[in-house]
Amino acid sequence: MSVRTVTLYSALLVLLMVFCISDVAKAVDPAGWTSNPITSNSYGDGRPRISDQHIVWYGLPGGVETLFLYDMATTTTTDIFDTANQTSLPEISSPDVVWAADDGSDWEIYCYDADTDTTAQLTNNSQQDMYEAISGPRIVWMQFSNLI
């Protein structure tokens, strides 16, 4: 392992720690290693995920679980989902974001398409649909029944 590689890993570790402990989500350009704040608020932001030109993260404005999407090409932030109930932390494969949310009776799977600015509920049943993942146009999740 070269010195450059070790330095790069160290820099990435420091950046990950900044994301984890900061209330300001940031976008970092690896070519120039500049930090660009994309939020500035009084509530916690967490678990950022990046894919191509999009960054998705979880926030708690006013105590409401909210998912945000930042488009690095347009420098715009979109509130893609908020609920008084619980949500899972989002996963992204640009332009799509997938997550699970409690609809009040069980957990269902949702998908947001950044290209069309639309959200679709992918499941609507009496099962617990959760542990979602996405890669390109493919979305997978687990479905549980009879959970206590």
N, C-alpha and C. Protein backbone atom coordinates (compact mmCIF):
# COMPACT_ATOMS: atom_id res chain seq x y z
N MET A 1 0.85 -1.17 0.00
CA MET A 1 0.00 0.00 0.00
C MET A 1 0.90 1.23 0.00
N SER A 2 0.69 2.11 -0.95
CA SER A 2 1.55 3.29 -1.07
C SER A 2 1.19 4.35 -0.05
N VAL A 3 2.10 5.31 0.13
CA VAL A 3 1.85 6.42 1.06
C VAL A 3 0.65 7.23 0.59
N ARG A 4 0.52 7.44 -0.73
CA ARG A 4 -0.62 8.19 -1.27
C ARG A 4 -1.94 7.49 -0.94
N THR A 5 -1.97 6.16 -1.07
CA THR A 5 -3.18 5.41 -0.77
C THR A 5 -3.54 5.52 0.71
N VAL A 6 -2.56 5.40 1.58
CA VAL A 6 -2.81 5.51 3.02
C VAL A 6 -3.31 6.92 3.34
N THR A 7 -2.71 7.94 2.74
CA THR A 7 -3.15 9.32 2.95
C THR A 7 -4.58 9.51 2.47
N LEU A 8 -4.90 8.94 1.30
CA LEU A 8 -6.25 9.04 0.76
C LEU A 8 -7.25 8.37 1.70
N TYR A 9 -6.93 7.17 2.19
CA TYR A 9 -7.82 6.50 3.12
C TYR A 9 -8.00 7.32 4.40
N SER A 10 -6.90 7.91 4.89
CA SER A 10 -6.99 8.75 6.09
C SER A 10 -7.88 9.95 5.84
N ALA A 11 -7.74 10.58 4.67
CA ALA A 11 -8.57 11.73 4.34
C ALA A 11 -10.04 11.32 4.26
N LEU A 12 -10.31 10.16 3.66
CA LEU A 12 -11.69 9.69 3.56
C LEU A 12 -12.26 9.40 4.94
N LEU A 13 -11.46 8.81 5.83
CA LEU A 13 -11.92 8.53 7.18
C LEU A 13 -12.26 9.83 7.90
N VAL A 14 -11.43 10.84 7.76
CA VAL A 14 -11.70 12.14 8.39
C VAL A 14 -12.98 12.72 7.83
N LEU A 15 -13.18 12.64 6.51
CA LEU A 15 -14.40 13.16 5.90
C LEU A 15 -15.62 12.42 6.42
N LEU A 16 -15.54 11.10 6.53
CA LEU A 16 -16.66 10.33 7.05
C LEU A 16 -16.97 10.72 8.49
N MET A 17 -15.94 10.96 9.29
CA MET A 17 -16.17 11.37 10.67
C MET A 17 -16.84 12.74 10.70
N VAL A 18 -16.47 13.64 9.81
CA VAL A 18 -17.11 14.96 9.76
C VAL A 18 -18.58 14.81 9.45
N PHE A 19 -18.92 13.94 8.48
CA PHE A 19 -20.33 13.71 8.16
C PHE A 19 -21.09 13.17 9.36
N CYS A 20 -20.47 12.29 10.12
CA CYS A 20 -21.16 11.65 11.23
C CYS A 20 -21.39 12.57 12.42
N ILE A 21 -20.49 13.52 12.65
CA ILE A 21 -20.63 14.33 13.85
C ILE A 21 -21.11 15.74 13.58
N SER A 22 -21.32 16.10 12.33
CA SER A 22 -21.68 17.47 11.99
C SER A 22 -23.17 17.60 11.78
N ASP A 23 -23.72 18.77 12.12
CA ASP A 23 -25.11 19.08 11.79
C ASP A 23 -25.21 19.75 10.44
N VAL A 24 -24.11 19.82 9.71
CA VAL A 24 -24.09 20.40 8.38
C VAL A 24 -23.66 19.32 7.41
N ALA A 25 -24.56 18.95 6.50
CA ALA A 25 -24.19 17.98 5.47
C ALA A 25 -23.31 18.69 4.46
N LYS A 26 -22.31 18.00 3.94
CA LYS A 26 -21.37 18.63 3.02
C LYS A 26 -21.16 17.74 1.80
N ALA A 27 -20.87 18.40 0.68
CA ALA A 27 -20.46 17.70 -0.53
C ALA A 27 -18.98 17.97 -0.73
N VAL A 28 -18.21 16.94 -1.05
CA VAL A 28 -16.77 17.10 -1.21
C VAL A 28 -16.39 16.67 -2.61
N ASP A 29 -15.67 17.53 -3.32
CA ASP A 29 -15.16 17.23 -4.65
C ASP A 29 -13.80 16.55 -4.49
N PRO A 30 -13.68 15.24 -4.79
CA PRO A 30 -12.41 14.55 -4.55
C PRO A 30 -11.27 15.08 -5.42
N ALA A 31 -11.56 15.67 -6.59
CA ALA A 31 -10.50 16.17 -7.45
C ALA A 31 -9.78 17.35 -6.79
N GLY A 32 -10.53 18.25 -6.19
CA GLY A 32 -9.92 19.42 -5.58
C GLY A 32 -9.95 19.39 -4.07
N TRP A 33 -10.59 18.40 -3.49
CA TRP A 33 -10.72 18.25 -2.05
C TRP A 33 -11.21 19.54 -1.39
N THR A 34 -12.28 20.07 -1.92
CA THR A 34 -12.91 21.23 -1.29
C THR A 34 -14.20 20.80 -0.64
N SER A 35 -14.53 21.40 0.46
CA SER A 35 -15.75 21.08 1.21
C SER A 35 -16.80 22.12 0.87
N ASN A 36 -17.98 21.65 0.48
CA ASN A 36 -19.08 22.53 0.11
C ASN A 36 -20.30 22.22 0.97
N PRO A 37 -20.59 23.05 1.97
CA PRO A 37 -21.79 22.79 2.80
C PRO A 37 -23.05 22.81 1.94
N ILE A 38 -23.92 21.84 2.17
CA ILE A 38 -25.19 21.82 1.43
C ILE A 38 -26.39 22.01 2.36
N THR A 39 -26.16 22.04 3.66
CA THR A 39 -27.22 22.38 4.61
C THR A 39 -26.63 23.28 5.68
N SER A 40 -27.50 24.03 6.31
CA SER A 40 -27.12 24.84 7.46
C SER A 40 -28.39 25.04 8.26
N ASN A 41 -28.55 24.23 9.28
CA ASN A 41 -29.79 24.27 10.05
C ASN A 41 -29.52 23.94 11.50
N SER A 42 -30.56 24.01 12.30
CA SER A 42 -30.40 23.78 13.74
C SER A 42 -30.75 22.35 14.15
N TYR A 43 -31.13 21.50 13.21
CA TYR A 43 -31.46 20.12 13.54
C TYR A 43 -30.41 19.17 12.97
N GLY A 44 -30.46 17.95 13.41
CA GLY A 44 -29.47 16.97 12.98
C GLY A 44 -29.74 16.43 11.59
N ASP A 45 -28.68 16.30 10.82
CA ASP A 45 -28.71 15.64 9.52
C ASP A 45 -27.81 14.42 9.63
N GLY A 46 -28.14 13.35 8.94
CA GLY A 46 -27.31 12.18 9.07
C GLY A 46 -27.40 11.22 7.92
N ARG A 47 -26.50 10.26 7.96
CA ARG A 47 -26.37 9.14 7.02
C ARG A 47 -26.48 9.55 5.56
N PRO A 48 -25.58 10.42 5.10
CA PRO A 48 -25.61 10.79 3.68
C PRO A 48 -25.19 9.63 2.80
N ARG A 49 -25.81 9.56 1.65
CA ARG A 49 -25.48 8.58 0.61
C ARG A 49 -25.33 9.36 -0.69
N ILE A 50 -24.39 8.95 -1.53
CA ILE A 50 -24.14 9.67 -2.78
C ILE A 50 -24.14 8.71 -3.95
N SER A 51 -24.68 9.16 -5.09
CA SER A 51 -24.67 8.40 -6.33
C SER A 51 -24.71 9.40 -7.48
N ASP A 52 -23.68 9.38 -8.30
CA ASP A 52 -23.55 10.31 -9.41
C ASP A 52 -23.69 11.75 -8.91
N GLN A 53 -24.70 12.47 -9.37
CA GLN A 53 -24.84 13.88 -9.01
C GLN A 53 -25.77 14.11 -7.82
N HIS A 54 -26.26 13.05 -7.19
CA HIS A 54 -27.24 13.20 -6.12
C HIS A 54 -26.69 12.76 -4.76
N ILE A 55 -27.11 13.49 -3.72
CA ILE A 55 -26.82 13.12 -2.33
C ILE A 55 -28.17 13.05 -1.62
N VAL A 56 -28.41 11.98 -0.90
CA VAL A 56 -29.63 11.84 -0.12
C VAL A 56 -29.23 11.68 1.34
N TRP A 57 -30.04 12.23 2.25
CA TRP A 57 -29.78 12.09 3.68
C TRP A 57 -31.07 12.23 4.45
N TYR A 58 -30.95 11.95 5.74
CA TYR A 58 -32.05 11.93 6.69
C TYR A 58 -31.90 13.12 7.61
N GLY A 59 -33.00 13.81 7.89
CA GLY A 59 -32.97 14.92 8.83
C GLY A 59 -34.20 14.90 9.73
N LEU A 60 -34.17 15.73 10.76
CA LEU A 60 -35.28 15.79 11.73
C LEU A 60 -35.75 17.23 11.94
N PRO A 61 -36.19 17.94 10.90
CA PRO A 61 -36.67 19.30 11.13
C PRO A 61 -37.98 19.27 11.93
N GLY A 62 -38.01 19.99 13.02
CA GLY A 62 -39.20 20.02 13.86
C GLY A 62 -39.57 18.67 14.44
N GLY A 63 -38.61 17.75 14.50
CA GLY A 63 -38.87 16.41 15.02
C GLY A 63 -39.58 15.50 14.03
N VAL A 64 -39.74 15.95 12.78
CA VAL A 64 -40.40 15.15 11.75
C VAL A 64 -39.33 14.45 10.90
N GLU A 65 -39.43 13.14 10.78
CA GLU A 65 -38.47 12.40 9.98
C GLU A 65 -38.63 12.80 8.52
N THR A 66 -37.54 13.29 7.91
CA THR A 66 -37.59 13.83 6.56
C THR A 66 -36.40 13.32 5.76
N LEU A 67 -36.64 12.99 4.50
CA LEU A 67 -35.58 12.60 3.58
C LEU A 67 -35.36 13.75 2.59
N PHE A 68 -34.10 14.11 2.40
CA PHE A 68 -33.73 15.21 1.51
C PHE A 68 -32.86 14.68 0.38
N LEU A 69 -32.96 15.34 -0.78
CA LEU A 69 -32.13 15.02 -1.93
C LEU A 69 -31.49 16.31 -2.44
N TYR A 70 -30.17 16.28 -2.59
CA TYR A 70 -29.43 17.42 -3.12
C TYR A 70 -28.90 17.06 -4.50
N ASP A 71 -29.15 17.92 -5.47
CA ASP A 71 -28.67 17.73 -6.84
C ASP A 71 -27.44 18.62 -7.03
N MET A 72 -26.27 18.01 -7.20
CA MET A 72 -25.04 18.79 -7.32
C MET A 72 -24.98 19.57 -8.62
N ALA A 73 -25.68 19.12 -9.66
CA ALA A 73 -25.67 19.83 -10.94
C ALA A 73 -26.47 21.13 -10.86
N THR A 74 -27.59 21.09 -10.14
CA THR A 74 -28.45 22.28 -10.05
C THR A 74 -28.31 23.00 -8.71
N THR A 75 -27.59 22.41 -7.77
CA THR A 75 -27.41 22.91 -6.39
C THR A 75 -28.75 23.16 -5.70
N THR A 76 -29.72 22.27 -5.96
CA THR A 76 -31.02 22.39 -5.30
C THR A 76 -31.24 21.24 -4.33
N THR A 77 -31.97 21.53 -3.26
CA THR A 77 -32.34 20.53 -2.27
C THR A 77 -33.84 20.32 -2.33
N THR A 78 -34.26 19.07 -2.34
CA THR A 78 -35.67 18.71 -2.39
C THR A 78 -36.03 17.87 -1.18
N ASP A 79 -37.13 18.22 -0.52
CA ASP A 79 -37.71 17.41 0.56
C ASP A 79 -38.49 16.31 -0.15
N ILE A 80 -37.98 15.07 -0.13
CA ILE A 80 -38.64 14.02 -0.91
C ILE A 80 -39.64 13.19 -0.11
N PHE A 81 -39.57 13.25 1.23
CA PHE A 81 -40.54 12.48 2.03
C PHE A 81 -40.47 12.94 3.46
N ASP A 82 -41.62 13.15 4.07
CA ASP A 82 -41.64 13.41 5.51
C ASP A 82 -42.87 12.75 6.12
N THR A 83 -42.73 12.35 7.37
CA THR A 83 -43.79 11.61 8.03
C THR A 83 -43.68 11.76 9.54
N ALA A 84 -44.81 11.66 10.19
CA ALA A 84 -44.83 11.64 11.65
C ALA A 84 -44.42 10.25 12.16
N ASN A 85 -44.50 9.25 11.26
CA ASN A 85 -44.11 7.89 11.61
C ASN A 85 -42.62 7.69 11.33
N GLN A 86 -42.13 6.49 11.55
CA GLN A 86 -40.71 6.19 11.34
C GLN A 86 -40.42 5.89 9.88
N THR A 87 -39.17 6.21 9.46
CA THR A 87 -38.67 5.80 8.14
C THR A 87 -37.34 5.09 8.33
N SER A 88 -36.99 4.29 7.35
CA SER A 88 -35.65 3.72 7.34
C SER A 88 -34.72 4.78 6.77
N LEU A 89 -33.45 4.52 6.80
CA LEU A 89 -32.50 5.45 6.20
C LEU A 89 -32.42 5.14 4.71
N PRO A 90 -32.36 6.17 3.88
CA PRO A 90 -32.49 5.97 2.44
C PRO A 90 -31.26 5.33 1.79
N GLU A 91 -31.51 4.69 0.66
CA GLU A 91 -30.46 4.16 -0.21
C GLU A 91 -30.67 4.82 -1.58
N ILE A 92 -29.57 5.01 -2.34
CA ILE A 92 -29.68 5.71 -3.61
C ILE A 92 -28.87 5.03 -4.70
N SER A 93 -29.43 5.05 -5.90
CA SER A 93 -28.75 4.71 -7.14
C SER A 93 -29.35 5.66 -8.16
N SER A 94 -28.64 6.76 -8.39
CA SER A 94 -29.19 7.88 -9.18
C SER A 94 -29.83 7.40 -10.46
N PRO A 95 -31.02 7.92 -10.75
CA PRO A 95 -31.71 9.02 -10.08
C PRO A 95 -32.73 8.56 -9.03
N ASP A 96 -32.67 7.29 -8.62
CA ASP A 96 -33.70 6.76 -7.73
C ASP A 96 -33.24 6.63 -6.28
N VAL A 97 -34.16 6.93 -5.37
CA VAL A 97 -33.95 6.79 -3.93
C VAL A 97 -35.00 5.82 -3.41
N VAL A 98 -34.62 4.89 -2.57
CA VAL A 98 -35.56 3.92 -2.02
C VAL A 98 -35.45 3.91 -0.50
N TRP A 99 -36.59 3.71 0.16
CA TRP A 99 -36.62 3.64 1.63
C TRP A 99 -37.88 2.91 2.05
N ALA A 100 -37.93 2.55 3.34
CA ALA A 100 -39.12 1.94 3.93
C ALA A 100 -39.68 2.93 4.94
N ALA A 101 -41.00 2.93 5.09
CA ALA A 101 -41.64 3.81 6.07
C ALA A 101 -42.84 3.11 6.69
N ASP A 102 -43.08 3.44 7.94
CA ASP A 102 -44.23 2.94 8.67
C ASP A 102 -45.45 3.75 8.21
N ASP A 103 -46.44 3.07 7.65
CA ASP A 103 -47.63 3.78 7.17
C ASP A 103 -48.72 3.86 8.24
N GLY A 104 -48.38 3.50 9.45
CA GLY A 104 -49.34 3.53 10.55
C GLY A 104 -49.83 2.15 10.95
N SER A 105 -49.70 1.18 10.03
CA SER A 105 -50.10 -0.18 10.38
C SER A 105 -48.98 -1.19 10.13
N ASP A 106 -48.09 -0.88 9.19
CA ASP A 106 -46.94 -1.74 8.92
C ASP A 106 -45.94 -0.94 8.08
N TRP A 107 -44.83 -1.58 7.70
CA TRP A 107 -43.79 -0.92 6.91
C TRP A 107 -43.99 -1.22 5.44
N GLU A 108 -43.84 -0.18 4.60
CA GLU A 108 -43.97 -0.29 3.15
C GLU A 108 -42.73 0.30 2.49
N ILE A 109 -42.54 -0.02 1.21
CA ILE A 109 -41.38 0.43 0.44
C ILE A 109 -41.81 1.56 -0.50
N TYR A 110 -40.96 2.60 -0.56
CA TYR A 110 -41.22 3.77 -1.39
C TYR A 110 -40.00 4.03 -2.28
N CYS A 111 -40.24 4.69 -3.42
CA CYS A 111 -39.16 5.05 -4.33
C CYS A 111 -39.41 6.45 -4.88
N TYR A 112 -38.38 7.28 -4.87
CA TYR A 112 -38.44 8.62 -5.44
C TYR A 112 -37.56 8.66 -6.69
N ASP A 113 -38.09 9.20 -7.79
CA ASP A 113 -37.36 9.35 -9.04
C ASP A 113 -37.01 10.83 -9.20
N ALA A 114 -35.73 11.16 -9.09
CA ALA A 114 -35.30 12.56 -9.18
C ALA A 114 -35.51 13.14 -10.58
N ASP A 115 -35.47 12.31 -11.61
CA ASP A 115 -35.66 12.81 -12.97
C ASP A 115 -37.09 13.31 -13.19
N THR A 116 -38.06 12.64 -12.58
CA THR A 116 -39.47 13.02 -12.79
C THR A 116 -40.08 13.70 -11.57
N ASP A 117 -39.32 13.80 -10.46
CA ASP A 117 -39.80 14.39 -9.21
C ASP A 117 -41.09 13.71 -8.73
N THR A 118 -41.09 12.38 -8.78
CA THR A 118 -42.27 11.63 -8.35
C THR A 118 -41.88 10.57 -7.33
N THR A 119 -42.81 10.32 -6.41
CA THR A 119 -42.65 9.28 -5.40
C THR A 119 -43.70 8.21 -5.64
N ALA A 120 -43.29 6.96 -5.58
CA ALA A 120 -44.22 5.85 -5.75
C ALA A 120 -44.13 4.94 -4.53
N GLN A 121 -45.28 4.50 -4.04
CA GLN A 121 -45.32 3.49 -2.99
C GLN A 121 -45.28 2.15 -3.70
N LEU A 122 -44.22 1.38 -3.49
CA LEU A 122 -44.03 0.13 -4.21
C LEU A 122 -44.77 -1.04 -3.60
N THR A 123 -45.01 -1.00 -2.29
CA THR A 123 -45.77 -2.07 -1.64
C THR A 123 -46.95 -1.45 -0.90
N ASN A 124 -48.00 -2.22 -0.75
CA ASN A 124 -49.17 -1.79 0.01
C ASN A 124 -49.89 -3.05 0.46
N ASN A 125 -49.43 -3.61 1.57
CA ASN A 125 -49.97 -4.88 2.03
C ASN A 125 -49.96 -4.90 3.56
N SER A 126 -50.30 -6.03 4.12
CA SER A 126 -50.31 -6.14 5.59
C SER A 126 -49.03 -6.78 6.12
N GLN A 127 -48.01 -6.89 5.28
CA GLN A 127 -46.72 -7.46 5.66
C GLN A 127 -45.76 -6.34 6.07
N GLN A 128 -44.69 -6.72 6.74
CA GLN A 128 -43.63 -5.77 7.07
C GLN A 128 -42.60 -5.81 5.94
N ASP A 129 -42.58 -4.78 5.10
CA ASP A 129 -41.64 -4.69 3.99
C ASP A 129 -40.51 -3.75 4.41
N MET A 130 -39.28 -4.27 4.45
CA MET A 130 -38.16 -3.45 4.94
C MET A 130 -36.83 -4.00 4.45
N TYR A 131 -35.73 -3.40 4.92
CA TYR A 131 -34.36 -3.77 4.55
C TYR A 131 -34.16 -3.70 3.03
N GLU A 132 -34.53 -2.57 2.49
CA GLU A 132 -34.47 -2.33 1.06
C GLU A 132 -33.05 -2.00 0.59
N ALA A 133 -32.78 -2.27 -0.69
CA ALA A 133 -31.51 -1.92 -1.32
C ALA A 133 -31.80 -1.65 -2.79
N ILE A 134 -30.92 -0.86 -3.42
CA ILE A 134 -31.12 -0.50 -4.82
C ILE A 134 -29.79 -0.53 -5.55
N SER A 135 -29.83 -0.97 -6.80
CA SER A 135 -28.67 -0.94 -7.69
C SER A 135 -29.21 -0.75 -9.10
N GLY A 136 -28.93 0.41 -9.70
CA GLY A 136 -29.48 0.70 -11.02
C GLY A 136 -30.99 0.67 -10.96
N PRO A 137 -31.62 -0.01 -11.89
CA PRO A 137 -33.09 -0.05 -11.90
C PRO A 137 -33.68 -1.15 -11.02
N ARG A 138 -32.83 -1.85 -10.24
CA ARG A 138 -33.31 -2.98 -9.44
C ARG A 138 -33.41 -2.61 -7.96
N ILE A 139 -34.56 -2.98 -7.38
CA ILE A 139 -34.81 -2.74 -5.95
C ILE A 139 -35.17 -4.06 -5.32
N VAL A 140 -34.57 -4.35 -4.17
CA VAL A 140 -34.89 -5.57 -3.43
C VAL A 140 -35.24 -5.18 -2.00
N TRP A 141 -36.01 -6.02 -1.33
CA TRP A 141 -36.33 -5.83 0.07
C TRP A 141 -36.77 -7.15 0.67
N MET A 142 -36.87 -7.18 1.97
CA MET A 142 -37.36 -8.36 2.67
C MET A 142 -38.80 -8.12 3.10
N GLN A 143 -39.58 -9.18 3.11
CA GLN A 143 -40.97 -9.10 3.55
C GLN A 143 -41.18 -10.10 4.67
N PHE A 144 -41.72 -9.60 5.78
CA PHE A 144 -41.97 -10.43 6.95
C PHE A 144 -43.45 -10.47 7.24
N SER A 145 -43.90 -11.58 7.76
CA SER A 145 -45.30 -11.67 8.21
C SER A 145 -45.31 -12.21 9.62
N ASN A 146 -46.40 -11.95 10.31
CA ASN A 146 -46.60 -12.46 11.66
C ASN A 146 -45.51 -12.02 12.64
N LEU A 147 -45.04 -10.79 12.52
CA LEU A 147 -44.07 -10.28 13.48
C LEU A 147 -44.81 -9.82 14.73
N ILE A 148 -44.20 -10.03 15.86
CA ILE A 148 -44.82 -9.60 17.12
C ILE A 148 -44.47 -8.17 17.37
